[in-house]
Full PDB file with SEQRES, HELIX, SHEET, SSBOND, CRYST1, ORIGX, SCALE, CONECT and MASTER records, all heavy atoms in Angstrom:
SEQRES   1 A   41  LYS ILE ILE GLY LYS ARG LYS ALA ALA VAL LEU MET ALA          
SEQRES   2 A   41  ALA LEU GLY ARG GLU SER ALA ALA ASP ILE TYR ARG TYR          
SEQRES   3 A   41  LEU THR ASP SER GLU VAL GLU THR ILE THR MET GLU LEU          
SEQRES   4 A   41  ALA ASN                                                      
HELIX    1 AA1 GLY A    4  LEU A   15  1                                  12    
HELIX    2 AA2 ARG A   17  TYR A   24  1                                   8    
HELIX    3 AA3 ASP A   29  ALA A   40  1                                  12    
CRYST1    1.000    1.000    1.000  90.00  90.00  90.00 P 1           1          
ORIGX1      1.000000  0.000000  0.000000        0.00000                         
ORIGX2      0.000000  1.000000  0.000000        0.00000                         
ORIGX3      0.000000  0.000000  1.000000        0.00000                         
SCALE1      1.000000  0.000000  0.000000        0.00000                         
SCALE2      0.000000  1.000000  0.000000        0.00000                         
SCALE3      0.000000  0.000000  1.000000        0.00000                         
ATOM      1  N   LYS A   1     -11.867  10.354  -6.703  1.00  0.00           N  
ATOM      2  CA  LYS A   1     -12.847   9.354  -6.623  1.00  0.00           C  
ATOM      3  C   LYS A   1     -12.336   8.003  -5.959  1.00  0.00           C  
ATOM      4  O   LYS A   1     -13.134   7.129  -5.756  1.00  0.00           O  
ATOM      5  CB  LYS A   1     -13.445   9.189  -7.979  1.00  0.00           C  
ATOM      6  CG  LYS A   1     -14.146  10.342  -8.559  1.00  0.00           C  
ATOM      7  CD  LYS A   1     -14.775  10.138  -9.896  1.00  0.00           C  
ATOM      8  CE  LYS A   1     -15.379  11.378 -10.524  1.00  0.00           C  
ATOM      9  NZ  LYS A   1     -15.804  11.195 -11.860  1.00  0.00           N  
ATOM     10  N   ILE A   2     -10.987   7.939  -5.931  1.00  0.00           N  
ATOM     11  CA  ILE A   2     -10.448   6.805  -5.283  1.00  0.00           C  
ATOM     12  C   ILE A   2     -10.207   7.093  -3.720  1.00  0.00           C  
ATOM     13  O   ILE A   2      -9.537   8.003  -3.379  1.00  0.00           O  
ATOM     14  CB  ILE A   2      -9.084   6.434  -5.928  1.00  0.00           C  
ATOM     15  CG1 ILE A   2      -9.142   6.478  -7.446  1.00  0.00           C  
ATOM     16  CG2 ILE A   2      -8.475   5.123  -5.397  1.00  0.00           C  
ATOM     17  CD1 ILE A   2      -7.781   6.303  -8.154  1.00  0.00           C  
ATOM     18  N   ILE A   3     -10.952   6.276  -2.989  1.00  0.00           N  
ATOM     19  CA  ILE A   3     -10.813   6.613  -1.496  1.00  0.00           C  
ATOM     20  C   ILE A   3      -9.952   5.518  -0.739  1.00  0.00           C  
ATOM     21  O   ILE A   3      -9.750   4.464  -1.186  1.00  0.00           O  
ATOM     22  CB  ILE A   3     -12.260   6.708  -0.968  1.00  0.00           C  
ATOM     23  CG1 ILE A   3     -12.916   5.253  -1.117  1.00  0.00           C  
ATOM     24  CG2 ILE A   3     -13.017   7.758  -1.592  1.00  0.00           C  
ATOM     25  CD1 ILE A   3     -14.200   5.202  -0.472  1.00  0.00           C  
ATOM     26  N   GLY A   4      -9.466   5.982   0.360  1.00  0.00           N  
ATOM     27  CA  GLY A   4      -8.782   5.219   1.254  1.00  0.00           C  
ATOM     28  C   GLY A   4      -7.694   4.217   0.723  1.00  0.00           C  
ATOM     29  O   GLY A   4      -6.800   4.545   0.181  1.00  0.00           O  
ATOM     30  N   LYS A   5      -8.041   2.946   1.083  1.00  0.00           N  
ATOM     31  CA  LYS A   5      -7.032   1.920   0.919  1.00  0.00           C  
ATOM     32  C   LYS A   5      -6.665   1.726  -0.633  1.00  0.00           C  
ATOM     33  O   LYS A   5      -5.549   1.305  -0.911  1.00  0.00           O  
ATOM     34  CB  LYS A   5      -7.656   0.638   1.385  1.00  0.00           C  
ATOM     35  CG  LYS A   5      -8.929   0.142   0.896  1.00  0.00           C  
ATOM     36  CD  LYS A   5      -9.491  -1.009   1.627  1.00  0.00           C  
ATOM     37  CE  LYS A   5     -10.821  -1.393   1.099  1.00  0.00           C  
ATOM     38  NZ  LYS A   5     -11.360  -2.621   1.806  1.00  0.00           N  
ATOM     39  N   ARG A   6      -7.593   2.056  -1.498  1.00  0.00           N  
ATOM     40  CA  ARG A   6      -7.292   1.844  -2.975  1.00  0.00           C  
ATOM     41  C   ARG A   6      -6.309   2.928  -3.419  1.00  0.00           C  
ATOM     42  O   ARG A   6      -5.311   2.667  -4.254  1.00  0.00           O  
ATOM     43  CB  ARG A   6      -8.623   1.921  -3.797  1.00  0.00           C  
ATOM     44  CG  ARG A   6      -8.266   1.491  -5.204  1.00  0.00           C  
ATOM     45  CD  ARG A   6      -9.576   1.002  -5.978  1.00  0.00           C  
ATOM     46  NE  ARG A   6      -9.262   0.672  -7.320  1.00  0.00           N  
ATOM     47  CZ  ARG A   6      -8.865  -0.533  -7.682  1.00  0.00           C  
ATOM     48  NH1 ARG A   6      -8.597  -1.450  -6.766  1.00  0.00           N  
ATOM     49  NH2 ARG A   6      -8.603  -0.794  -9.021  1.00  0.00           N  
ATOM     50  N   LYS A   7      -6.551   4.086  -2.846  1.00  0.00           N  
ATOM     51  CA  LYS A   7      -5.620   5.224  -3.251  1.00  0.00           C  
ATOM     52  C   LYS A   7      -4.195   4.945  -2.746  1.00  0.00           C  
ATOM     53  O   LYS A   7      -3.208   5.153  -3.353  1.00  0.00           O  
ATOM     54  CB  LYS A   7      -6.089   6.481  -2.701  1.00  0.00           C  
ATOM     55  CG  LYS A   7      -5.292   7.755  -3.124  1.00  0.00           C  
ATOM     56  CD  LYS A   7      -5.705   8.951  -2.349  1.00  0.00           C  
ATOM     57  CE  LYS A   7      -7.176   9.365  -2.788  1.00  0.00           C  
ATOM     58  NZ  LYS A   7      -7.596  10.622  -2.256  1.00  0.00           N  
ATOM     59  N   ALA A   8      -4.076   4.341  -1.562  1.00  0.00           N  
ATOM     60  CA  ALA A   8      -2.890   4.011  -0.938  1.00  0.00           C  
ATOM     61  C   ALA A   8      -2.156   2.903  -1.846  1.00  0.00           C  
ATOM     62  O   ALA A   8      -0.858   2.900  -1.967  1.00  0.00           O  
ATOM     63  CB  ALA A   8      -2.995   3.466   0.448  1.00  0.00           C  
ATOM     64  N   ALA A   9      -2.953   2.017  -2.343  1.00  0.00           N  
ATOM     65  CA  ALA A   9      -2.420   0.830  -3.125  1.00  0.00           C  
ATOM     66  C   ALA A   9      -1.830   1.493  -4.405  1.00  0.00           C  
ATOM     67  O   ALA A   9      -0.851   0.968  -4.931  1.00  0.00           O  
ATOM     68  CB  ALA A   9      -3.474  -0.163  -3.433  1.00  0.00           C  
ATOM     69  N   VAL A  10      -2.458   2.313  -5.074  1.00  0.00           N  
ATOM     70  CA  VAL A  10      -2.090   2.975  -6.313  1.00  0.00           C  
ATOM     71  C   VAL A  10      -0.803   3.635  -6.089  1.00  0.00           C  
ATOM     72  O   VAL A  10       0.249   3.568  -6.855  1.00  0.00           O  
ATOM     73  CB  VAL A  10      -3.076   3.950  -6.862  1.00  0.00           C  
ATOM     74  CG1 VAL A  10      -2.488   4.789  -8.002  1.00  0.00           C  
ATOM     75  CG2 VAL A  10      -4.344   3.273  -7.283  1.00  0.00           C  
ATOM     76  N   LEU A  11      -0.681   4.412  -4.975  1.00  0.00           N  
ATOM     77  CA  LEU A  11       0.587   5.087  -4.656  1.00  0.00           C  
ATOM     78  C   LEU A  11       1.742   4.057  -4.404  1.00  0.00           C  
ATOM     79  O   LEU A  11       2.860   4.266  -4.964  1.00  0.00           O  
ATOM     80  CB  LEU A  11       0.365   5.989  -3.373  1.00  0.00           C  
ATOM     81  CG  LEU A  11       1.584   6.766  -2.881  1.00  0.00           C  
ATOM     82  CD1 LEU A  11       2.068   7.674  -3.934  1.00  0.00           C  
ATOM     83  CD2 LEU A  11       1.341   7.347  -1.592  1.00  0.00           C  
ATOM     84  N   MET A  12       1.536   3.008  -3.701  1.00  0.00           N  
ATOM     85  CA  MET A  12       2.571   2.116  -3.467  1.00  0.00           C  
ATOM     86  C   MET A  12       3.009   1.363  -4.666  1.00  0.00           C  
ATOM     87  O   MET A  12       4.230   1.115  -4.887  1.00  0.00           O  
ATOM     88  CB  MET A  12       2.066   0.988  -2.445  1.00  0.00           C  
ATOM     89  CG  MET A  12       1.657   1.583  -1.057  1.00  0.00           C  
ATOM     90  SD  MET A  12       3.161   1.908  -0.069  1.00  0.00           S  
ATOM     91  CE  MET A  12       3.352   0.390   0.817  1.00  0.00           C  
ATOM     92  N   ALA A  13       2.053   1.126  -5.666  1.00  0.00           N  
ATOM     93  CA  ALA A  13       2.400   0.498  -6.892  1.00  0.00           C  
ATOM     94  C   ALA A  13       3.314   1.513  -7.691  1.00  0.00           C  
ATOM     95  O   ALA A  13       4.235   1.042  -8.342  1.00  0.00           O  
ATOM     96  CB  ALA A  13       1.169   0.066  -7.628  1.00  0.00           C  
ATOM     97  N   ALA A  14       2.959   2.710  -7.667  1.00  0.00           N  
ATOM     98  CA  ALA A  14       3.695   3.747  -8.458  1.00  0.00           C  
ATOM     99  C   ALA A  14       5.073   4.024  -7.889  1.00  0.00           C  
ATOM    100  O   ALA A  14       5.926   4.242  -8.665  1.00  0.00           O  
ATOM    101  CB  ALA A  14       2.847   5.036  -8.507  1.00  0.00           C  
ATOM    102  N   LEU A  15       5.193   3.914  -6.590  1.00  0.00           N  
ATOM    103  CA  LEU A  15       6.523   4.251  -5.956  1.00  0.00           C  
ATOM    104  C   LEU A  15       7.609   3.161  -6.334  1.00  0.00           C  
ATOM    105  O   LEU A  15       8.763   3.403  -6.306  1.00  0.00           O  
ATOM    106  CB  LEU A  15       6.326   4.345  -4.462  1.00  0.00           C  
ATOM    107  CG  LEU A  15       5.604   5.603  -4.038  1.00  0.00           C  
ATOM    108  CD1 LEU A  15       5.480   5.602  -2.521  1.00  0.00           C  
ATOM    109  CD2 LEU A  15       6.461   6.900  -4.380  1.00  0.00           C  
ATOM    110  N   GLY A  16       7.123   1.893  -6.497  1.00  0.00           N  
ATOM    111  CA  GLY A  16       8.014   0.827  -6.805  1.00  0.00           C  
ATOM    112  C   GLY A  16       8.348   0.073  -5.556  1.00  0.00           C  
ATOM    113  O   GLY A  16       8.032   0.401  -4.416  1.00  0.00           O  
ATOM    114  N   ARG A  17       9.059  -1.163  -5.817  1.00  0.00           N  
ATOM    115  CA  ARG A  17       9.249  -2.087  -4.728  1.00  0.00           C  
ATOM    116  C   ARG A  17      10.054  -1.543  -3.563  1.00  0.00           C  
ATOM    117  O   ARG A  17       9.644  -1.683  -2.348  1.00  0.00           O  
ATOM    118  CB  ARG A  17      10.012  -3.355  -5.350  1.00  0.00           C  
ATOM    119  CG  ARG A  17      10.219  -4.430  -4.285  1.00  0.00           C  
ATOM    120  CD  ARG A  17      10.848  -5.598  -4.949  1.00  0.00           C  
ATOM    121  NE  ARG A  17      10.181  -6.187  -6.086  1.00  0.00           N  
ATOM    122  CZ  ARG A  17      10.616  -6.981  -6.813  1.00  0.00           C  
ATOM    123  NH1 ARG A  17      11.815  -7.527  -6.618  1.00  0.00           N  
ATOM    124  NH2 ARG A  17       9.897  -7.530  -7.822  1.00  0.00           N  
ATOM    125  N   GLU A  18      11.257  -0.938  -3.773  1.00  0.00           N  
ATOM    126  CA  GLU A  18      12.104  -0.465  -2.713  1.00  0.00           C  
ATOM    127  C   GLU A  18      11.375   0.577  -1.816  1.00  0.00           C  
ATOM    128  O   GLU A  18      11.433   0.511  -0.643  1.00  0.00           O  
ATOM    129  CB  GLU A  18      13.470   0.048  -3.195  1.00  0.00           C  
ATOM    130  CG  GLU A  18      14.271  -1.060  -3.892  1.00  0.00           C  
ATOM    131  CD  GLU A  18      15.625  -0.557  -4.231  1.00  0.00           C  
ATOM    132  OE1 GLU A  18      15.928   0.589  -3.915  1.00  0.00           O  
ATOM    133  OE2 GLU A  18      16.425  -1.271  -4.846  1.00  0.00           O  
ATOM    134  N   SER A  19      10.834   1.682  -2.471  1.00  0.00           N  
ATOM    135  CA  SER A  19      10.189   2.663  -1.694  1.00  0.00           C  
ATOM    136  C   SER A  19       8.962   2.181  -0.897  1.00  0.00           C  
ATOM    137  O   SER A  19       8.675   2.490   0.211  1.00  0.00           O  
ATOM    138  CB  SER A  19       9.793   3.789  -2.613  1.00  0.00           C  
ATOM    139  OG  SER A  19      10.890   4.324  -3.203  1.00  0.00           O  
ATOM    140  N   ALA A  20       8.166   1.348  -1.590  1.00  0.00           N  
ATOM    141  CA  ALA A  20       7.024   0.724  -0.945  1.00  0.00           C  
ATOM    142  C   ALA A  20       7.423  -0.101   0.318  1.00  0.00           C  
ATOM    143  O   ALA A  20       6.776   0.008   1.410  1.00  0.00           O  
ATOM    144  CB  ALA A  20       6.288  -0.138  -1.851  1.00  0.00           C  
ATOM    145  N   ALA A  21       8.548  -0.849   0.132  1.00  0.00           N  
ATOM    146  CA  ALA A  21       8.985  -1.613   1.277  1.00  0.00           C  
ATOM    147  C   ALA A  21       9.362  -0.741   2.452  1.00  0.00           C  
ATOM    148  O   ALA A  21       9.183  -1.089   3.684  1.00  0.00           O  
ATOM    149  CB  ALA A  21      10.215  -2.492   0.937  1.00  0.00           C  
ATOM    150  N   ASP A  22      10.059   0.457   2.137  1.00  0.00           N  
ATOM    151  CA  ASP A  22      10.299   1.358   3.164  1.00  0.00           C  
ATOM    152  C   ASP A  22       9.142   1.907   3.926  1.00  0.00           C  
ATOM    153  O   ASP A  22       9.145   1.962   5.172  1.00  0.00           O  
ATOM    154  CB  ASP A  22      11.210   2.536   2.655  1.00  0.00           C  
ATOM    155  CG  ASP A  22      12.589   2.148   2.185  1.00  0.00           C  
ATOM    156  OD1 ASP A  22      13.104   1.187   2.778  1.00  0.00           O  
ATOM    157  OD2 ASP A  22      13.099   2.850   1.391  1.00  0.00           O  
ATOM    158  N   ILE A  23       8.101   2.131   3.180  1.00  0.00           N  
ATOM    159  CA  ILE A  23       6.883   2.695   3.730  1.00  0.00           C  
ATOM    160  C   ILE A  23       6.144   1.595   4.715  1.00  0.00           C  
ATOM    161  O   ILE A  23       5.677   1.903   5.686  1.00  0.00           O  
ATOM    162  CB  ILE A  23       5.883   3.185   2.726  1.00  0.00           C  
ATOM    163  CG1 ILE A  23       6.562   4.427   2.083  1.00  0.00           C  
ATOM    164  CG2 ILE A  23       4.580   3.553   3.239  1.00  0.00           C  
ATOM    165  CD1 ILE A  23       5.691   4.931   0.830  1.00  0.00           C  
ATOM    166  N   TYR A  24       6.241   0.359   4.264  1.00  0.00           N  
ATOM    167  CA  TYR A  24       5.575  -0.723   4.925  1.00  0.00           C  
ATOM    168  C   TYR A  24       6.152  -0.798   6.374  1.00  0.00           C  
ATOM    169  O   TYR A  24       5.374  -1.288   7.313  1.00  0.00           O  
ATOM    170  CB  TYR A  24       5.834  -2.101   4.195  1.00  0.00           C  
ATOM    171  CG  TYR A  24       4.776  -2.512   3.291  1.00  0.00           C  
ATOM    172  CD1 TYR A  24       5.057  -3.109   2.089  1.00  0.00           C  
ATOM    173  CD2 TYR A  24       3.509  -2.362   3.647  1.00  0.00           C  
ATOM    174  CE1 TYR A  24       4.143  -3.554   1.141  1.00  0.00           C  
ATOM    175  CE2 TYR A  24       2.492  -2.791   2.767  1.00  0.00           C  
ATOM    176  CZ  TYR A  24       2.810  -3.330   1.520  1.00  0.00           C  
ATOM    177  OH  TYR A  24       1.838  -3.771   0.729  1.00  0.00           O  
ATOM    178  N   ARG A  25       7.402  -0.396   6.598  1.00  0.00           N  
ATOM    179  CA  ARG A  25       7.993  -0.489   7.891  1.00  0.00           C  
ATOM    180  C   ARG A  25       7.272   0.300   8.865  1.00  0.00           C  
ATOM    181  O   ARG A  25       7.297   0.145  10.183  1.00  0.00           O  
ATOM    182  CB  ARG A  25       9.434  -0.136   7.877  1.00  0.00           C  
ATOM    183  CG  ARG A  25      10.267  -1.112   7.044  1.00  0.00           C  
ATOM    184  CD  ARG A  25      11.767  -0.817   7.211  1.00  0.00           C  
ATOM    185  NE  ARG A  25      12.591  -1.699   6.307  1.00  0.00           N  
ATOM    186  CZ  ARG A  25      13.219  -1.331   5.348  1.00  0.00           C  
ATOM    187  NH1 ARG A  25      12.988  -0.075   4.893  1.00  0.00           N  
ATOM    188  NH2 ARG A  25      13.915  -2.123   4.609  1.00  0.00           N  
ATOM    189  N   TYR A  26       6.531   1.354   8.494  1.00  0.00           N  
ATOM    190  CA  TYR A  26       5.896   2.345   9.374  1.00  0.00           C  
ATOM    191  C   TYR A  26       4.342   2.011   9.491  1.00  0.00           C  
ATOM    192  O   TYR A  26       3.690   2.753  10.199  1.00  0.00           O  
ATOM    193  CB  TYR A  26       6.034   3.655   8.810  1.00  0.00           C  
ATOM    194  CG  TYR A  26       7.521   4.240   8.820  1.00  0.00           C  
ATOM    195  CD1 TYR A  26       8.268   4.032   7.546  1.00  0.00           C  
ATOM    196  CD2 TYR A  26       8.056   4.801   9.923  1.00  0.00           C  
ATOM    197  CE1 TYR A  26       9.583   4.489   7.656  1.00  0.00           C  
ATOM    198  CE2 TYR A  26       9.395   5.208   9.922  1.00  0.00           C  
ATOM    199  CZ  TYR A  26      10.168   5.082   8.741  1.00  0.00           C  
ATOM    200  OH  TYR A  26      11.439   5.501   8.710  1.00  0.00           O  
ATOM    201  N   LEU A  27       3.943   0.946   8.888  1.00  0.00           N  
ATOM    202  CA  LEU A  27       2.508   0.509   8.970  1.00  0.00           C  
ATOM    203  C   LEU A  27       2.304  -0.514   9.998  1.00  0.00           C  
ATOM    204  O   LEU A  27       3.165  -1.292  10.316  1.00  0.00           O  
ATOM    205  CB  LEU A  27       2.062   0.143   7.612  1.00  0.00           C  
ATOM    206  CG  LEU A  27       2.239   1.060   6.383  1.00  0.00           C  
ATOM    207  CD1 LEU A  27       1.736   0.472   5.089  1.00  0.00           C  
ATOM    208  CD2 LEU A  27       1.516   2.404   6.722  1.00  0.00           C  
ATOM    209  N   THR A  28       1.040  -0.579  10.454  1.00  0.00           N  
ATOM    210  CA  THR A  28       0.585  -1.751  11.412  1.00  0.00           C  
ATOM    211  C   THR A  28       0.471  -2.876  10.464  1.00  0.00           C  
ATOM    212  O   THR A  28       0.379  -2.882   9.263  1.00  0.00           O  
ATOM    213  CB  THR A  28      -0.592  -1.330  12.105  1.00  0.00           C  
ATOM    214  OG1 THR A  28      -1.713  -1.155  11.104  1.00  0.00           O  
ATOM    215  CG2 THR A  28      -0.496   0.047  12.824  1.00  0.00           C  
ATOM    216  N   ASP A  29       0.383  -4.115  11.213  1.00  0.00           N  
ATOM    217  CA  ASP A  29       0.172  -5.269  10.510  1.00  0.00           C  
ATOM    218  C   ASP A  29      -1.214  -5.308   9.759  1.00  0.00           C  
ATOM    219  O   ASP A  29      -1.300  -5.781   8.642  1.00  0.00           O  
ATOM    220  CB  ASP A  29       0.088  -6.514  11.526  1.00  0.00           C  
ATOM    221  CG  ASP A  29       1.418  -6.712  12.069  1.00  0.00           C  
ATOM    222  OD1 ASP A  29       2.503  -6.272  11.563  1.00  0.00           O  
ATOM    223  OD2 ASP A  29       1.555  -7.379  13.229  1.00  0.00           O  
ATOM    224  N   SER A  30      -2.157  -4.656  10.370  1.00  0.00           N  
ATOM    225  CA  SER A  30      -3.562  -4.551   9.705  1.00  0.00           C  
ATOM    226  C   SER A  30      -3.468  -3.733   8.459  1.00  0.00           C  
ATOM    227  O   SER A  30      -4.097  -4.068   7.428  1.00  0.00           O  
ATOM    228  CB  SER A  30      -4.569  -3.964  10.685  1.00  0.00           C  
ATOM    229  OG  SER A  30      -5.856  -3.850  10.103  1.00  0.00           O  
ATOM    230  N   GLU A  31      -2.693  -2.632   8.461  1.00  0.00           N  
ATOM    231  CA  GLU A  31      -2.536  -1.673   7.332  1.00  0.00           C  
ATOM    232  C   GLU A  31      -1.880  -2.459   6.225  1.00  0.00           C  
ATOM    233  O   GLU A  31      -2.142  -2.345   5.080  1.00  0.00           O  
ATOM    234  CB  GLU A  31      -1.881  -0.419   7.841  1.00  0.00           C  
ATOM    235  CG  GLU A  31      -2.743   0.483   8.659  1.00  0.00           C  
ATOM    236  CD  GLU A  31      -1.992   1.539   9.317  1.00  0.00           C  
ATOM    237  OE1 GLU A  31      -0.772   1.458   9.364  1.00  0.00           O  
ATOM    238  OE2 GLU A  31      -2.598   2.633   9.667  1.00  0.00           O  
ATOM    239  N   VAL A  32      -0.810  -3.130   6.616  1.00  0.00           N  
ATOM    240  CA  VAL A  32       0.020  -3.870   5.646  1.00  0.00           C  
ATOM    241  C   VAL A  32      -0.959  -4.854   4.928  1.00  0.00           C  
ATOM    242  O   VAL A  32      -0.906  -5.022   3.657  1.00  0.00           O  
ATOM    243  CB  VAL A  32       1.216  -4.522   6.265  1.00  0.00           C  
ATOM    244  CG1 VAL A  32       1.790  -5.554   5.218  1.00  0.00           C  
ATOM    245  CG2 VAL A  32       2.194  -3.571   6.733  1.00  0.00           C  
ATOM    246  N   GLU A  33      -1.719  -5.644   5.643  1.00  0.00           N  
ATOM    247  CA  GLU A  33      -2.595  -6.613   5.101  1.00  0.00           C  
ATOM    248  C   GLU A  33      -3.506  -5.980   4.046  1.00  0.00           C  
ATOM    249  O   GLU A  33      -3.850  -6.472   3.034  1.00  0.00           O  
ATOM    250  CB  GLU A  33      -3.297  -7.419   6.203  1.00  0.00           C  
ATOM    251  CG  GLU A  33      -4.189  -8.500   5.677  1.00  0.00           C  
ATOM    252  CD  GLU A  33      -4.793  -9.255   6.856  1.00  0.00           C  
ATOM    253  OE1 GLU A  33      -4.334  -9.097   8.008  1.00  0.00           O  
ATOM    254  OE2 GLU A  33      -5.871 -10.019   6.635  1.00  0.00           O  
ATOM    255  N   THR A  34      -4.200  -4.959   4.603  1.00  0.00           N  
ATOM    256  CA  THR A  34      -5.247  -4.266   3.780  1.00  0.00           C  
ATOM    257  C   THR A  34      -4.761  -3.754   2.394  1.00  0.00           C  
ATOM    258  O   THR A  34      -5.256  -3.958   1.428  1.00  0.00           O  
ATOM    259  CB  THR A  34      -5.826  -3.084   4.626  1.00  0.00           C  
ATOM    260  OG1 THR A  34      -6.390  -3.590   5.798  1.00  0.00           O  
ATOM    261  CG2 THR A  34      -6.814  -2.308   3.763  1.00  0.00           C  
ATOM    262  N   ILE A  35      -3.530  -2.988   2.579  1.00  0.00           N  
ATOM    263  CA  ILE A  35      -2.972  -2.516   1.331  1.00  0.00           C  
ATOM    264  C   ILE A  35      -2.396  -3.561   0.425  1.00  0.00           C  
ATOM    265  O   ILE A  35      -2.573  -3.457  -0.770  1.00  0.00           O  
ATOM    266  CB  ILE A  35      -1.764  -1.472   1.657  1.00  0.00           C  
ATOM    267  CG1 ILE A  35      -2.361  -0.301   2.396  1.00  0.00           C  
ATOM    268  CG2 ILE A  35      -1.064  -1.002   0.398  1.00  0.00           C  
ATOM    269  CD1 ILE A  35      -1.296   0.700   2.897  1.00  0.00           C  
ATOM    270  N   THR A  36      -1.862  -4.595   0.944  1.00  0.00           N  
ATOM    271  CA  THR A  36      -1.427  -5.792   0.135  1.00  0.00           C  
ATOM    272  C   THR A  36      -2.540  -6.390  -0.677  1.00  0.00           C  
ATOM    273  O   THR A  36      -2.452  -6.774  -1.839  1.00  0.00           O  
ATOM    274  CB  THR A  36      -0.685  -6.824   0.929  1.00  0.00           C  
ATOM    275  OG1 THR A  36       0.455  -6.219   1.681  1.00  0.00           O  
ATOM    276  CG2 THR A  36      -0.202  -7.991   0.160  1.00  0.00           C  
ATOM    277  N   MET A  37      -3.736  -6.548   0.015  1.00  0.00           N  
ATOM    278  CA  MET A  37      -4.913  -7.064  -0.701  1.00  0.00           C  
ATOM    279  C   MET A  37      -5.352  -6.173  -1.781  1.00  0.00           C  
ATOM    280  O   MET A  37      -5.736  -6.636  -2.866  1.00  0.00           O  
ATOM    281  CB  MET A  37      -6.037  -7.276   0.376  1.00  0.00           C  
ATOM    282  CG  MET A  37      -5.786  -8.405   1.319  1.00  0.00           C  
ATOM    283  SD  MET A  37      -5.687 -10.007   0.432  1.00  0.00           S  
ATOM    284  CE  MET A  37      -7.441 -10.215  -0.040  1.00  0.00           C  
ATOM    285  N   GLU A  38      -5.222  -4.877  -1.606  1.00  0.00           N  
ATOM    286  CA  GLU A  38      -5.610  -3.969  -2.705  1.00  0.00           C  
ATOM    287  C   GLU A  38      -4.723  -3.973  -3.809  1.00  0.00           C  
ATOM    288  O   GLU A  38      -5.195  -3.968  -4.894  1.00  0.00           O  
ATOM    289  CB  GLU A  38      -5.695  -2.491  -2.063  1.00  0.00           C  
ATOM    290  CG  GLU A  38      -6.960  -2.242  -1.224  1.00  0.00           C  
ATOM    291  CD  GLU A  38      -8.237  -2.223  -2.057  1.00  0.00           C  
ATOM    292  OE1 GLU A  38      -8.251  -1.799  -3.183  1.00  0.00           O  
ATOM    293  OE2 GLU A  38      -9.268  -2.882  -1.568  1.00  0.00           O  
ATOM    294  N   LEU A  39      -3.462  -4.153  -3.449  1.00  0.00           N  
ATOM    295  CA  LEU A  39      -2.413  -4.284  -4.530  1.00  0.00           C  
ATOM    296  C   LEU A  39      -2.692  -5.466  -5.417  1.00  0.00           C  
ATOM    297  O   LEU A  39      -2.587  -5.459  -6.655  1.00  0.00           O  
ATOM    298  CB  LEU A  39      -0.982  -4.326  -3.913  1.00  0.00           C  
ATOM    299  CG  LEU A  39      -0.398  -2.956  -3.519  1.00  0.00           C  
ATOM    300  CD1 LEU A  39       0.884  -3.174  -2.705  1.00  0.00           C  
ATOM    301  CD2 LEU A  39      -0.044  -2.119  -4.756  1.00  0.00           C  
ATOM    302  N   ALA A  40      -2.996  -6.594  -4.705  1.00  0.00           N  
ATOM    303  CA  ALA A  40      -3.228  -7.821  -5.353  1.00  0.00           C  
ATOM    304  C   ALA A  40      -4.431  -7.720  -6.424  1.00  0.00           C  
ATOM    305  O   ALA A  40      -4.424  -8.333  -7.478  1.00  0.00           O  
ATOM    306  CB  ALA A  40      -3.466  -8.980  -4.417  1.00  0.00           C  
ATOM    307  N   ASN A  41      -5.401  -6.901  -6.049  1.00  0.00           N  
ATOM    308  CA  ASN A  41      -6.534  -6.800  -6.849  1.00  0.00           C  
ATOM    309  C   ASN A  41      -6.674  -5.495  -7.618  1.00  0.00           C  
ATOM    310  O   ASN A  41      -7.632  -5.087  -8.106  1.00  0.00           O  
ATOM    311  CB  ASN A  41      -7.907  -6.862  -5.904  1.00  0.00           C  
ATOM    312  CG  ASN A  41      -8.022  -8.234  -5.287  1.00  0.00           C  
ATOM    313  OD1 ASN A  41      -7.975  -9.220  -5.885  1.00  0.00           O  
ATOM    314  ND2 ASN A  41      -8.002  -8.160  -3.918  1.00  0.00           N  
TER     315      ASN A  41                                                      
MASTER        0    0    0    3    0    0    0    6  314    1    0    4          
END                                                                             
């Protein structure tokens, strides 16, 4: 029931800071911004 960007945010939060930072390197600026906003909320 969790779709798109929110599911990605849950995964990034669960993986932890270092793993999430590694994944961020492969994302576009727009994707980084979107997921970061979801993480914040």
